[in-house]
Protein backbone atom coordinates (compact mmCIF):
# COMPACT_ATOMS: atom_id res chain seq x y z
CA MET A 1 24.47 -9.65 4.24
CA VAL A 2 22.28 -8.23 7.06
CA ALA A 3 18.98 -9.36 4.91
CA LEU A 4 20.61 -12.81 4.77
CA ASN A 5 21.57 -12.97 8.81
CA ALA A 6 17.92 -12.12 9.75
CA ALA A 7 16.47 -14.52 7.40
CA LEU A 8 18.89 -17.13 9.16
CA SER A 9 17.49 -16.25 12.34
CA SER A 10 14.10 -17.79 12.02
CA SER A 11 13.58 -21.21 13.24
CA CYS A 12 10.88 -22.03 10.58
CA GLU A 13 12.04 -24.18 7.84
CA LEU A 14 9.37 -27.06 7.83
CA GLY A 15 9.52 -28.83 4.60
CA PHE A 16 12.43 -27.26 2.84
CA GLU A 17 14.48 -30.29 2.57
CA LYS A 18 12.42 -31.40 -0.48
CA TYR A 19 13.47 -28.27 -2.16
CA TYR A 20 17.26 -28.41 -1.45
CA GLU A 21 17.55 -31.17 -3.87
CA GLN A 22 16.58 -29.26 -6.72
CA LEU A 23 18.65 -26.27 -5.98
CA ASN A 24 21.52 -28.38 -5.61
CA ALA A 25 20.93 -29.91 -8.85
CA HIS A 26 20.71 -26.75 -10.42
CA VAL A 27 24.11 -25.29 -9.42
CA HIS A 28 25.80 -28.59 -10.00
CA ALA A 29 24.44 -28.67 -13.61
CA CYS A 30 27.17 -28.53 -16.45
CA GLY A 31 27.39 -26.02 -19.27
CA PRO A 32 25.41 -22.72 -19.39
CA GLN A 33 22.31 -22.72 -17.50
CA PRO A 34 19.31 -20.14 -17.41
CA PRO A 35 18.34 -18.83 -14.05
CA LEU A 36 16.05 -20.89 -11.62
CA LEU A 37 13.29 -19.22 -10.49
CA ILE A 38 11.61 -19.61 -7.26
CA ILE A 39 7.89 -18.65 -7.37
CA GLY A 40 5.57 -18.09 -4.40
CA ASN A 41 3.15 -15.64 -2.87
CA SER A 42 4.65 -13.48 0.11
CA GLY A 43 4.73 -14.84 3.34
CA ILE A 44 5.48 -18.35 1.88
CA GLY A 45 8.95 -18.55 2.99
CA ARG A 46 11.00 -17.59 -0.22
CA SER A 47 13.52 -15.42 1.49
CA LEU A 48 13.76 -18.01 4.39
CA LEU A 49 14.33 -20.95 1.85
CA LEU A 50 17.03 -19.06 0.15
CA ALA A 51 18.94 -18.01 3.03
CA LYS A 52 18.91 -21.60 4.74
CA TRP A 53 19.96 -23.06 1.43
CA THR A 54 22.89 -20.41 1.00
CA GLN A 55 24.25 -21.15 4.53
CA LEU A 56 24.34 -24.77 3.72
CA HIS A 57 25.76 -24.48 0.39
CA GLN A 58 28.60 -22.29 1.90
CA GLU A 59 29.43 -24.90 4.41
CA LYS A 60 29.56 -27.43 2.04
CA TYR A 61 31.40 -25.75 -0.85
CA PRO A 62 33.46 -23.23 0.44
CA SER A 63 35.34 -23.01 -2.86
CA SER A 64 32.27 -21.63 -4.52
CA LEU A 65 31.32 -17.79 -4.29
CA VAL A 66 27.87 -17.35 -3.45
CA MET A 67 26.93 -13.74 -3.77
CA CYS A 68 23.37 -12.57 -2.31
CA HIS A 69 21.04 -9.87 -2.58
CA PHE A 70 17.75 -9.53 -0.61
CA VAL A 71 15.71 -6.50 -2.04
CA GLY A 72 13.19 -6.03 0.95
CA SER A 73 10.73 -3.49 0.20
CA GLU A 74 9.80 -1.69 -3.20
CA SER A 75 11.00 1.81 -1.81
CA SER A 76 14.23 0.57 0.00
CA VAL A 77 17.88 1.07 -1.42
CA GLY A 78 17.81 -2.68 -1.84
CA ALA A 79 15.21 -2.25 -4.88
CA ASP A 80 17.98 -0.12 -6.89
CA ALA A 81 19.32 -2.65 -9.49
CA ILE A 82 22.20 -0.43 -10.56
CA LEU A 83 23.27 -0.48 -6.83
CA MET A 84 23.15 -4.07 -6.72
CA ILE A 85 25.15 -4.67 -9.68
CA ARG A 86 27.74 -1.78 -8.57
CA ARG A 87 28.05 -3.69 -5.35
CA LEU A 88 28.30 -7.20 -6.61
CA THR A 89 30.98 -6.07 -9.27
CA ALA A 90 33.08 -4.44 -6.61
CA GLN A 91 32.79 -8.26 -4.70
CA LEU A 92 34.05 -9.71 -7.93
CA MET A 93 36.66 -7.38 -8.65
CA GLN A 94 38.35 -8.68 -4.99
CA HIS A 95 39.14 -12.16 -6.65
CA VAL A 96 41.27 -10.40 -9.70
CA THR A 97 44.86 -8.84 -9.28
CA SER A 98 45.11 -4.91 -9.98
CA PRO A 99 41.40 -4.43 -10.60
CA PRO A 100 40.34 -1.17 -12.57
CA ALA A 101 38.64 1.66 -10.82
CA LEU A 102 34.91 0.82 -10.27
CA THR A 103 32.57 3.02 -12.57
CA CYS A 104 29.68 4.85 -11.74
CA ASN A 105 28.25 4.73 -15.12
CA PRO A 106 24.89 2.71 -14.87
CA VAL A 107 25.32 1.91 -18.70
CA ARG A 108 28.65 0.59 -18.35
CA LEU A 109 27.98 -1.32 -15.10
CA GLU A 110 25.36 -3.19 -16.76
CA GLU A 111 27.38 -3.89 -19.77
CA GLU A 112 30.55 -5.01 -17.91
CA PHE A 113 28.73 -6.97 -15.22
CA PRO A 114 28.39 -10.31 -17.34
CA ARG A 115 31.96 -9.86 -18.23
CA TRP A 116 33.15 -9.78 -14.66
CA LEU A 117 30.97 -13.04 -13.72
CA GLU A 118 32.63 -14.80 -16.61
CA LYS A 119 36.19 -13.66 -15.61
CA VAL A 120 35.78 -14.70 -11.94
CA SER A 121 33.75 -17.85 -12.51
CA SER A 122 36.58 -19.31 -14.78
CA ARG A 123 39.38 -18.67 -11.97
CA LEU A 124 37.10 -20.23 -9.04
CA PRO A 125 36.99 -24.18 -8.73
CA GLY A 126 33.55 -23.91 -7.33
CA GLY A 127 32.32 -21.26 -9.79
CA VAL A 128 29.76 -18.40 -8.85
CA VAL A 129 26.46 -18.48 -7.55
CA LEU A 130 24.36 -15.67 -7.60
CA VAL A 131 21.27 -15.64 -5.12
CA LEU A 132 18.58 -12.83 -5.76
CA ASP A 133 15.33 -12.44 -3.54
CA SER A 134 12.36 -10.89 -4.75
CA ILE A 135 13.80 -9.50 -7.99
CA ASP A 136 10.12 -8.61 -9.18
CA LEU A 137 10.48 -5.67 -6.77
CA PHE A 138 13.38 -3.96 -8.39
CA GLN A 139 12.63 -0.66 -9.87
CA GLN A 140 12.23 -1.25 -13.75
CA ALA A 141 13.26 -4.79 -13.16
CA GLU A 142 12.78 -5.94 -16.66
CA LEU A 143 15.07 -3.31 -18.04
CA HIS A 144 18.11 -3.73 -15.55
CA LEU A 145 17.97 -7.52 -15.42
CA LYS A 146 17.57 -8.04 -19.08
CA TRP A 147 21.40 -9.47 -18.96
CA LEU A 148 19.63 -12.42 -17.14
CA LEU A 149 17.79 -13.44 -20.48
CA ASP A 150 21.05 -13.49 -22.30
CA PRO A 151 23.34 -16.94 -22.01
CA LEU A 152 25.03 -16.93 -18.67
CA PRO A 153 28.74 -17.91 -18.69
CA VAL A 154 29.72 -21.26 -17.92
CA GLY A 155 30.23 -21.65 -14.21
CA VAL A 156 27.66 -18.96 -13.09
CA HIS A 157 24.48 -20.07 -11.58
CA VAL A 158 21.74 -17.67 -10.78
CA ILE A 159 18.95 -18.52 -8.34
CA ALA A 160 16.08 -15.85 -8.09
CA SER A 161 12.75 -15.59 -6.45
CA VAL A 162 9.52 -13.76 -7.31
CA ASN A 163 5.96 -13.05 -6.14
CA GLU A 164 3.75 -15.39 -8.50
CA LYS A 165 1.49 -12.34 -9.07
CA THR A 166 3.83 -9.97 -10.11
CA CYS A 167 6.32 -12.23 -12.17
CA PRO A 168 7.15 -10.70 -15.63
CA GLN A 169 5.92 -13.14 -18.55
CA SER A 170 9.72 -13.09 -20.04
CA TRP A 171 10.88 -14.85 -16.84
CA ARG A 172 8.42 -17.75 -16.97
CA GLN A 173 10.29 -19.28 -19.50
CA TRP A 174 12.83 -20.20 -17.04
CA ALA A 175 13.31 -23.50 -15.14
CA THR A 176 10.86 -22.74 -12.02
CA LEU A 177 10.44 -24.29 -8.52
CA TYR A 178 6.99 -23.68 -6.95
CA LEU A 179 6.76 -23.26 -3.02
CA GLU A 180 3.68 -24.96 -1.81
CA PRO A 181 1.69 -23.92 1.40
CA LEU A 182 2.42 -25.73 4.50
CA SER A 183 0.69 -29.17 4.85
CA LYS A 184 -1.82 -29.41 7.61
CA LYS A 185 0.60 -31.59 9.45
CA ASN A 186 3.43 -28.79 9.02
CA VAL A 187 1.11 -26.15 10.29
CA LYS A 188 0.35 -28.08 13.44
CA GLU A 189 3.87 -28.74 13.98
CA LEU A 190 5.03 -25.00 13.36
CA LEU A 191 1.97 -23.85 15.61
CA ARG A 192 3.12 -25.86 18.57
CA ALA A 193 6.70 -25.29 18.12
CA GLU A 194 6.19 -21.58 18.22
CA LEU A 195 3.91 -21.74 21.03
CA ALA A 196 6.52 -24.04 22.97
CA LEU A 197 9.04 -21.08 22.90
CA PHE A 198 6.88 -19.15 25.18
CA ASP A 199 5.81 -22.18 27.30
CA ILE A 200 2.26 -21.89 26.09
CA ARG A 201 0.00 -24.95 25.01
CA LEU A 202 -3.50 -24.20 23.60
CA SER A 203 -6.61 -26.38 24.45
CA MET A 204 -7.71 -28.99 21.95
CA GLU A 205 -10.71 -26.99 21.01
CA ASP A 206 -8.49 -23.83 20.21
CA GLU A 207 -6.02 -25.56 18.46
CA ALA A 208 -8.68 -27.46 16.26
CA LYS A 209 -10.47 -23.96 15.46
CA ILE A 210 -7.01 -22.80 14.21
CA LEU A 211 -6.32 -25.85 12.10
CA ASN A 212 -9.76 -25.90 10.50
CA HIS A 213 -9.28 -22.24 9.53
CA CYS A 214 -5.73 -22.66 8.10
CA GLN A 215 -6.81 -24.58 4.81
CA THR A 216 -6.15 -21.98 2.05
CA GLU A 217 -2.92 -20.81 0.68
CA GLU A 218 -2.95 -17.58 2.38
CA THR A 219 -3.63 -19.11 5.76
CA CYS A 220 -1.19 -22.09 5.48
CA ALA A 221 1.89 -19.52 4.83
CA PRO A 222 4.47 -19.76 7.56
CA LEU A 223 4.24 -15.86 8.22
CA PHE A 224 0.60 -16.33 8.89
CA ILE A 225 1.27 -18.90 11.35
CA MET A 226 4.17 -17.00 13.12
CA VAL A 227 2.19 -13.88 13.32
CA LEU A 228 -1.00 -15.69 14.75
CA VAL A 229 1.11 -17.21 17.63
CA ARG A 230 2.83 -14.08 18.45
CA HIS A 231 -0.52 -12.44 18.65
CA ILE A 232 -2.04 -15.28 20.62
CA VAL A 233 0.97 -14.98 23.20
CA TRP A 234 0.62 -11.39 23.72
CA THR A 235 -3.14 -11.45 24.20
CA LEU A 236 -2.90 -14.22 26.69
CA LYS A 237 -0.27 -12.13 28.49
CA HIS A 238 -2.31 -9.01 28.55
CA GLU A 239 -5.84 -10.42 28.85
CA GLY A 240 -5.35 -13.70 30.43
CA GLN A 241 -7.93 -15.52 28.18
CA LEU A 242 -8.29 -16.26 24.48
CA THR A 243 -11.48 -17.99 23.39
CA SER A 244 -13.73 -14.91 22.72
CA TYR A 245 -10.96 -13.01 20.80
CA LEU A 246 -9.75 -16.14 18.76
CA ASP A 247 -12.83 -16.17 16.77
CA THR A 248 -12.46 -12.72 15.73
CA LEU A 249 -8.71 -13.37 14.61
CA LEU A 250 -9.81 -16.44 12.62
CA THR A 251 -12.00 -14.01 10.64
CA CYS A 252 -8.88 -12.98 8.97
CA GLN A 253 -8.42 -14.68 5.32
CA ASP A 254 -4.53 -13.64 4.74
CA CYS A 255 -1.56 -11.94 6.53
CA VAL A 256 -2.45 -8.42 5.60
CA ASP A 257 -5.96 -8.79 7.22
CA LEU A 258 -4.40 -10.47 10.21
CA TYR A 259 -1.79 -7.64 10.55
CA VAL A 260 -4.45 -4.98 10.50
CA CYS A 261 -6.19 -6.80 13.22
CA VAL A 262 -3.08 -7.10 15.42
CA ILE A 263 -2.22 -2.99 14.74
CA ASP A 264 -5.69 -2.30 15.87
CA LYS A 265 -5.55 -4.31 19.21
CA VAL A 266 -2.04 -3.27 20.01
CA GLN A 267 -2.82 0.64 19.81
CA SER A 268 -5.90 -0.12 22.24
CA LEU A 269 -3.25 -1.09 24.65
CA TRP A 270 -2.82 2.59 25.77
CA GLU A 271 -6.02 4.20 27.12
CA ILE A 272 -4.72 7.69 26.68
CA ASP A 273 -5.80 9.03 23.37
CA ASP A 274 -2.51 10.97 22.88
CA VAL A 275 -0.31 8.29 23.39
CA ARG A 276 -2.42 6.16 20.93
CA GLN A 277 -2.00 9.05 18.36
CA MET A 278 1.93 8.94 18.99
CA MET A 279 1.71 5.13 18.03
CA MET A 280 -0.19 5.79 14.70
CA LYS A 281 2.31 8.65 13.91
CA VAL A 282 5.21 6.46 14.77
CA LEU A 283 3.67 3.77 12.33
CA LYS A 284 2.86 6.47 9.41
CA LEU A 285 6.59 7.68 9.66
CA LEU A 286 7.77 4.05 9.38
CA TYR A 287 5.45 3.17 6.34
CA VAL A 288 6.70 6.41 4.47
CA SER A 289 10.23 6.17 5.22
CA ARG A 290 12.69 4.57 2.62
CA ASN A 291 14.85 2.40 4.80
CA GLY A 292 13.38 2.76 8.43
CA LEU A 293 14.20 5.44 10.69
CA ASN A 294 16.53 5.56 13.54
CA GLU A 295 15.31 6.13 17.38
CA ASN A 296 16.37 9.64 17.59
CA GLU A 297 14.62 10.55 14.63
CA LEU A 298 11.62 9.34 15.65
CA LEU A 299 11.61 11.04 18.89
CA ALA A 300 12.40 14.22 17.31
CA LEU A 301 9.53 13.70 14.81
CA VAL A 302 6.91 12.78 17.31
CA PRO A 303 6.38 15.46 19.85
CA GLY A 304 5.75 14.03 23.22
CA LEU A 305 7.47 10.66 22.64
CA THR A 306 9.70 10.01 25.48
CA TRP A 307 12.30 7.16 25.56
CA PRO A 308 10.18 4.95 28.23
CA LEU A 309 7.15 5.58 26.10
CA TRP A 310 8.88 4.63 22.96
CA THR A 311 10.42 1.57 24.78
CA SER A 312 6.87 0.37 25.28
CA MET A 313 5.74 0.82 22.16
CA PHE A 314 8.79 -0.80 20.53
CA ASN A 315 8.62 -3.86 22.61
CA ALA A 316 4.69 -4.25 21.79
CA LEU A 317 5.20 -3.61 18.01
CA THR A 318 8.26 -6.09 17.67
CA ASP A 319 6.59 -8.77 19.80
CA GLN A 320 3.84 -8.82 17.39
CA LEU A 321 6.31 -8.65 14.21
CA VAL A 322 4.97 -5.50 13.20
CA THR A 323 8.53 -3.81 13.39
CA LYS A 324 11.78 -4.85 13.36
CA TYR A 325 15.17 -3.34 14.40
CA GLN A 326 18.07 -3.75 11.76
CA THR A 327 21.33 -1.95 10.89
CA GLY A 328 20.37 0.49 13.57
CA LEU A 329 16.91 1.30 12.05
CA VAL A 330 13.24 0.59 13.07
CA MET A 331 11.30 -0.50 9.95
CA PRO A 332 8.31 -2.64 9.09
CA ALA A 333 8.91 -6.17 9.65
CA HIS A 334 7.77 -7.64 6.56
CA LEU A 335 6.30 -6.34 3.09
CA GLN A 336 2.90 -7.70 4.30
CA THR A 337 3.17 -5.27 7.48
CA SER A 338 3.39 -2.35 5.08
CA LYS A 339 0.53 -3.56 3.14
CA ALA A 340 -1.48 -3.72 6.26
CA LEU A 341 -0.45 -0.18 7.62
CA TYR A 342 -1.70 1.07 4.01
CA LYS A 343 -5.07 -0.60 4.43
CA PHE A 344 -5.17 0.25 8.34
CA PHE A 345 -4.60 3.94 7.57
CA GLN A 346 -7.24 4.04 4.66
CA THR A 347 -4.36 5.47 2.62
CA GLU A 348 -6.25 6.02 -0.47
CA ILE A 349 -9.06 8.38 0.85
CA PHE A 350 -6.22 10.55 2.74
CA LEU A 351 -3.93 10.39 -0.42
CA LYS A 352 -6.81 11.64 -2.66
CA ASN A 353 -7.88 14.39 -0.52
CA CYS A 354 -4.24 15.78 -0.28
CA ILE A 355 -3.41 15.64 -4.09
CA LEU A 356 -6.75 17.25 -4.58
CA ASN A 357 -5.70 20.08 -2.58
CA LEU A 358 -4.87 22.84 -5.24
CA CYS A 359 -2.07 24.29 -3.39
CA VAL A 360 -0.18 20.89 -3.15
CA PHE A 361 -0.91 20.72 -7.02
CA GLN A 362 0.48 23.69 -7.78
CA ARG A 363 3.53 23.21 -5.38
CA LEU A 364 4.40 19.78 -7.04
CA TYR A 365 4.04 21.18 -10.53
CA ALA A 366 6.22 24.23 -9.97
CA ARG A 367 8.86 21.94 -8.57
CA GLY A 368 8.96 19.77 -11.65
CA ARG A 369 7.34 16.91 -10.04
CA CYS A 370 4.38 16.29 -12.30
CA ALA A 371 5.49 12.69 -12.77
CA GLU A 372 5.01 11.92 -9.13
CA LEU A 373 1.75 13.65 -8.78
CA ILE A 374 0.52 11.40 -11.67
CA SER A 375 1.71 8.46 -10.05
CA TYR A 376 -0.14 9.24 -6.93
CA TRP A 377 -3.19 9.21 -9.20
CA GLN A 378 -2.49 5.77 -10.52
CA LEU A 379 -1.71 4.43 -7.18
CA ILE A 380 -5.45 5.05 -6.35
CA GLY A 381 -6.71 3.67 -9.66
CA ALA A 382 -7.47 7.04 -11.72
CA ASP A 383 -6.36 7.92 -15.20
CA LYS A 384 -5.79 11.40 -16.58
CA THR A 385 -9.43 11.71 -17.51
CA ARG A 386 -10.64 11.14 -14.26
CA MET A 387 -7.68 13.13 -12.62
CA ALA A 388 -8.74 16.11 -14.77
CA GLN A 389 -12.32 15.80 -13.76
CA ALA A 390 -11.55 15.54 -9.98
CA TYR A 391 -9.74 18.94 -10.33
CA LEU A 392 -12.54 20.52 -12.14
CA THR A 393 -14.90 19.22 -9.58
CA GLN A 394 -12.70 20.65 -6.90
CA THR A 395 -12.49 23.98 -8.58
CA LYS A 396 -16.19 24.02 -8.80
CA TYR A 397 -16.11 23.32 -4.83
CA MET A 398 -14.00 26.36 -4.54
CA GLU A 399 -16.19 28.50 -6.60
CA GLU A 400 -19.09 28.03 -4.48
CA VAL A 401 -16.95 28.85 -1.39
CA LEU A 402 -15.58 31.83 -2.95
CA ASN A 403 -18.81 33.13 -3.82
CA GLN A 404 -19.64 33.09 0.00
CA SER A 405 -16.52 34.92 1.24
CA ASN A 406 -13.60 36.98 0.24
CA LEU A 407 -10.64 34.39 -0.04
CA ASN A 408 -8.04 35.21 -2.20
CA ILE A 409 -6.74 32.25 -3.87
CA ASN A 410 -4.66 32.10 -7.14
CA ILE A 411 -6.74 29.36 -8.82
CA SER A 412 -5.69 31.21 -12.32
CA GLY A 413 -2.11 30.24 -11.70
CA ILE A 414 -2.98 26.74 -10.75
CA ALA A 415 -5.05 26.23 -13.85
CA ASP A 416 -2.17 27.48 -16.21
CA MET A 417 -0.15 24.34 -15.25
CA HIS A 418 -2.54 21.57 -16.10
CA GLU A 419 -2.71 20.60 -19.73
CA LEU A 420 -6.52 19.48 -19.48
CA ALA A 421 -7.46 22.47 -17.68
CA GLU A 422 -8.41 24.97 -19.99
CA PRO A 423 -12.02 25.01 -18.51
CA LEU A 424 -10.52 25.63 -15.07
CA LYS A 425 -8.75 28.62 -16.16
CA ARG A 426 -11.95 30.62 -17.71
CA ARG A 427 -13.71 29.62 -14.46
CA ALA A 428 -11.00 31.25 -12.44
CA LEU A 429 -10.90 34.44 -14.08
CA ILE A 430 -14.66 34.67 -13.38
CA ILE A 431 -14.08 33.88 -9.70
CA LYS A 432 -11.08 36.23 -9.43
CA LYS A 433 -13.38 39.08 -10.90
CA LYS A 434 -16.05 38.23 -8.49
CA THR A 435 -13.81 38.09 -5.52
CA ARG A 436 -11.31 41.07 -6.25
CA GLY A 437 -12.26 42.98 -9.25
CA PRO A 438 -9.82 43.99 -12.07
CA ARG A 439 -7.75 45.92 -9.56
CA ILE A 440 -7.87 46.40 -5.87
CA SER A 441 -8.49 49.83 -4.43
CA THR A 442 -7.12 51.58 -1.50
CA GLY A 443 -10.36 51.59 0.15
CA GLN A 444 -10.76 47.78 0.03
CA ILE A 445 -7.14 47.29 1.06
CA ARG A 446 -8.08 49.41 4.24
CA SER A 447 -11.10 47.13 5.20
CA ILE A 448 -8.82 43.97 5.11
CA ASP A 449 -7.96 42.46 8.55
CA PRO A 450 -3.91 42.48 8.92
CA MET A 451 -4.01 39.28 10.30
CA VAL A 452 -5.90 37.63 7.28
CA GLN A 453 -3.51 39.44 4.96
CA ARG A 454 -0.61 38.13 6.65
CA ARG A 455 -1.67 34.57 6.77
CA ALA A 456 -2.64 34.87 3.01
CA LEU A 457 0.95 35.69 2.53
CA GLN A 458 2.27 32.86 4.49
CA LEU A 459 -0.04 30.50 2.67
CA GLU A 460 1.04 31.72 -0.70
CA GLU A 461 4.57 31.61 0.10
CA LEU A 462 4.23 27.88 1.16
CA ALA A 463 2.13 26.87 -2.05
CA MET A 464 3.94 28.88 -4.63
CA GLY A 465 7.47 29.64 -3.41
CA PRO A 466 9.19 32.71 -2.28
CA ASP A 467 9.99 34.01 -5.91
CA SER A 468 6.32 34.12 -6.92
CA ALA A 469 4.89 37.28 -8.60
CA ASP A 470 1.64 36.88 -7.05
CA LEU A 471 3.43 36.77 -3.50
CA ALA A 472 5.19 39.95 -4.45
CA HIS A 473 1.70 41.67 -5.19
CA THR A 474 0.19 40.40 -1.76
CA LEU A 475 3.22 41.63 0.32
CA ASN A 476 3.04 44.98 -1.57
CA GLU A 477 -0.63 45.05 -0.59
CA LEU A 478 0.06 44.03 3.14
CA GLY A 479 2.83 47.16 3.24
CA VAL A 480 0.22 49.72 1.89
CA LEU A 481 -2.37 48.36 4.51
CA TYR A 482 0.35 48.93 7.20
CA TYR A 483 0.96 52.09 5.85
CA LEU A 484 -2.59 53.33 5.95
CA GLN A 485 -2.87 52.24 9.56
CA SER A 486 0.25 54.07 10.41
CA ASN A 487 2.01 50.90 11.44
CA GLN A 488 5.47 51.41 10.84
CA GLU A 489 6.67 48.31 12.83
């Protein structure tokens, strides 16, 4: 409901009238009907179309039960199909007398949901309309939504939207409604209407530049125009002129590139580097959060961030449609915003460096999170062979480092954990022999700096957990060292 209201708050609905007729025809058709699939790219207005049509339908046909679900992002709670089915089932149960207890069994929920649709639709004169937005973003969408492929009960009509690039083939057999990009006339109308909200009128030359640039499907999307307008307004407010910077903005070929440009410009607003770093940390935290973070959490997670400083950041980011405030949480404003943050922070490079860290690898494996580790490699486009080769290369590098120092790293334990890493284990044994020998002597212990040994103990506990045998061995060596130095504290 919150997502529906958020979509309804938008003033952009140019050209939607031509789609309303087809949506109305679908829900008024007699007999069992397969879902109607609305197809379009991100930012083209799929969510907005569904929200506006839902509002009009409920006003005109109050006897019809309209149930909505807007997924949001792939990582959000809204992307859990089972939770959606459970919520919708609870909503259907309100229309029967003495409903049974709502089960928490996922299998039963999926099996019983079509029966509940049939039972309730037969009791309501207007039937049941199910509006599902961005169903391709559901986790294991085809598995949990396979009931959509079966004949739906009479009186039940489903309208669903998907991204054209990620729509499963099995869904393309349904009746489809393709959303078209804005026409040049609509782009001009939207541009002027959004600027008028801020009492700004562009010169004929600048307006012509924008209209000449917005000729592709990506640049004619409503979201692209609205983000561009917000950034133009913000730039004029802070810099007083636009012409030289407008040329830079118009090199962006889609909304993700435009958001990257916007984020880069906004973070340059603060002259103090520490403040810019705080803003970057805020954006990183929002990107990795599942459903966003509340303001108190952000203040606790970002050292040095104060309320006055956060207020300035939030206003700047929200004015640019980078973030939004919804249900008491701050979150990325759009799926395209999250993609832009991923691109802006060059996440693939940092992610690869992180998962190549042998201590990170060992810790994830020890906690049974191997699938998560593999999914990270898949995210950066690497298969198992390339993953194994990357770890072998990293181990070879560690060998070179160990040949020049007396670092004590448990590579043998790490090698045991990887199914393709037998060469890793053999190399680790050689390294261990070079650095420590078969057994460490009392003389060797005496020569170790206690601070180095304590740091090694901390790192081992962090990487391997408090119950590791190697951790106990290091702790014993530290105790011997303190005993030999007559340090009883």
